[in-house]
């Protein structure tokens, strides 16, 4: 199983980024997926989840600003992040929760 998050970077508050999670080694279309983040001084938190059927759930802190999606044919998951805030700064990871796999994270830095 391989998971690789990408698309992080430096953005000003109010800006947008789109994260991508590319995957291999498992049957992507039949698995729920998650985005987590590790922000400075806090524990890793679940940001968004998307079921195999495309049902999404979000942390209250990102609801209305972040949108998770997936393209099963490309074995890829996305996180569109809009109206970014400095408190969104952190390392973002994609995860395959049912099998306990995580990929290397991608750093998002939001400047005020």
Protein backbone atom coordinates (compact mmCIF):
# COMPACT_ATOMS: atom_id res chain seq x y z
CA UNK A 1 0.00 0.00 0.00
CA UNK A 2 1.28 3.45 -0.91
CA UNK A 3 -0.30 6.81 -0.20
CA UNK A 4 1.30 10.08 -1.25
CA UNK A 5 -0.08 13.51 -0.41
CA UNK A 6 1.03 16.50 -2.45
CA UNK A 7 -0.01 20.04 -3.25
CA UNK A 8 0.95 21.79 -0.07
CA UNK A 9 2.69 25.13 -0.02
CA UNK A 10 2.67 28.67 1.27
CA UNK A 11 -0.49 30.71 0.82
CA UNK A 12 -1.88 33.91 2.26
CA UNK A 13 -4.90 33.87 4.53
CA UNK A 14 -8.04 33.76 2.46
CA UNK A 15 -6.34 31.83 -0.30
CA UNK A 16 -6.88 28.33 -1.62
CA UNK A 17 -4.92 25.13 -2.11
CA UNK A 18 -5.81 21.76 -3.54
CA UNK A 19 -4.20 18.71 -2.03
CA UNK A 20 -3.93 15.45 -3.92
CA UNK A 21 -3.51 11.93 -2.56
CA UNK A 22 -2.30 9.36 -5.06
CA UNK A 23 -2.57 5.72 -4.09
CA UNK A 24 -1.55 2.23 -5.10
CA UNK A 25 -1.48 -1.29 -3.75
CA UNK A 26 -5.10 -1.69 -2.75
CA UNK A 27 -8.58 -1.56 -4.24
CA UNK A 28 -9.13 2.17 -3.93
CA UNK A 29 -12.73 2.30 -5.13
CA UNK A 30 -13.95 0.06 -2.33
CA UNK A 31 -12.23 1.86 0.53
CA UNK A 32 -13.10 4.82 2.71
CA UNK A 33 -10.36 7.46 2.83
CA UNK A 34 -9.44 10.26 5.20
CA UNK A 35 -7.46 13.50 5.41
CA UNK A 36 -5.77 14.30 8.70
CA UNK A 37 -3.55 17.15 9.77
CA UNK A 38 -0.93 17.80 12.40
CA UNK A 39 -0.94 21.42 13.45
CA UNK A 40 1.74 22.99 15.68
CA UNK A 41 1.11 22.28 19.33
CA UNK A 42 -1.88 20.04 18.72
CA UNK A 43 -2.56 16.38 18.25
CA UNK A 44 -3.19 15.00 14.82
CA UNK A 45 -6.83 15.56 13.90
CA UNK A 46 -9.23 14.17 11.37
CA UNK A 47 -10.06 16.89 8.86
CA UNK A 48 -12.27 15.09 6.35
CA UNK A 49 -13.41 11.65 5.38
CA UNK A 50 -14.91 10.33 2.18
CA UNK A 51 -16.56 6.96 1.95
CA UNK A 52 -16.22 4.55 -0.94
CA UNK A 53 -19.57 5.87 -2.11
CA UNK A 54 -18.49 9.49 -1.93
CA UNK A 55 -20.18 10.45 1.32
CA UNK A 56 -18.17 13.16 3.07
CA UNK A 57 -17.79 14.32 6.65
CA UNK A 58 -15.76 17.24 7.96
CA UNK A 59 -14.33 18.58 11.17
CA UNK A 60 -16.29 21.56 12.44
CA UNK A 61 -13.21 23.75 12.03
CA UNK A 62 -13.16 23.25 8.24
CA UNK A 63 -16.81 22.73 7.43
CA UNK A 64 -17.93 25.01 4.62
CA UNK A 65 -14.34 25.74 3.57
CA UNK A 66 -12.85 22.34 2.68
CA UNK A 67 -14.20 19.83 0.20
CA UNK A 68 -13.03 16.25 -0.15
CA UNK A 69 -13.53 14.36 -3.39
CA UNK A 70 -12.25 11.28 -5.15
CA UNK A 71 -11.65 9.92 -8.63
CA UNK A 72 -11.80 6.16 -8.40
CA UNK A 73 -10.55 5.64 -11.96
CA UNK A 74 -7.37 7.55 -11.04
CA UNK A 75 -7.09 6.02 -7.55
CA UNK A 76 -6.85 9.59 -6.29
CA UNK A 77 -8.40 11.66 -3.54
CA UNK A 78 -8.46 15.46 -3.29
CA UNK A 79 -8.93 18.10 -0.64
CA UNK A 80 -9.95 21.52 -1.92
CA UNK A 81 -9.17 24.06 0.76
CA UNK A 82 -10.68 27.53 0.45
CA UNK A 83 -10.72 30.58 2.71
CA UNK A 84 -7.61 29.31 4.41
CA UNK A 85 -6.74 30.61 7.86
CA UNK A 86 -3.39 30.73 9.68
CA UNK A 87 -4.71 28.05 12.05
CA UNK A 88 -4.96 25.69 9.09
CA UNK A 89 -1.17 25.60 8.98
CA UNK A 90 0.18 22.10 9.43
CA UNK A 91 1.19 18.86 7.79
CA UNK A 92 -1.65 17.16 5.96
CA UNK A 93 -1.79 13.40 5.54
CA UNK A 94 -3.99 11.07 3.60
CA UNK A 95 -4.95 7.81 5.26
CA UNK A 96 -6.54 4.46 4.58
CA UNK A 97 -8.26 4.05 7.93
CA UNK A 98 -9.61 0.53 7.60
CA UNK A 99 -6.10 -0.84 7.18
CA UNK A 100 -4.21 1.69 9.26
CA UNK A 101 -2.02 3.07 6.48
CA UNK A 102 -0.73 6.64 6.30
CA UNK A 103 1.26 8.39 3.68
CA UNK A 104 3.97 11.02 4.03
CA UNK A 105 2.43 14.40 4.68
CA UNK A 106 2.48 17.63 2.75
CA UNK A 107 3.10 20.94 4.50
CA UNK A 108 0.53 23.71 4.28
CA UNK A 109 1.54 27.13 5.57
CA UNK A 110 -1.00 29.92 5.74
CA UNK A 111 0.43 33.37 6.40
CA UNK A 112 -1.58 36.13 8.01
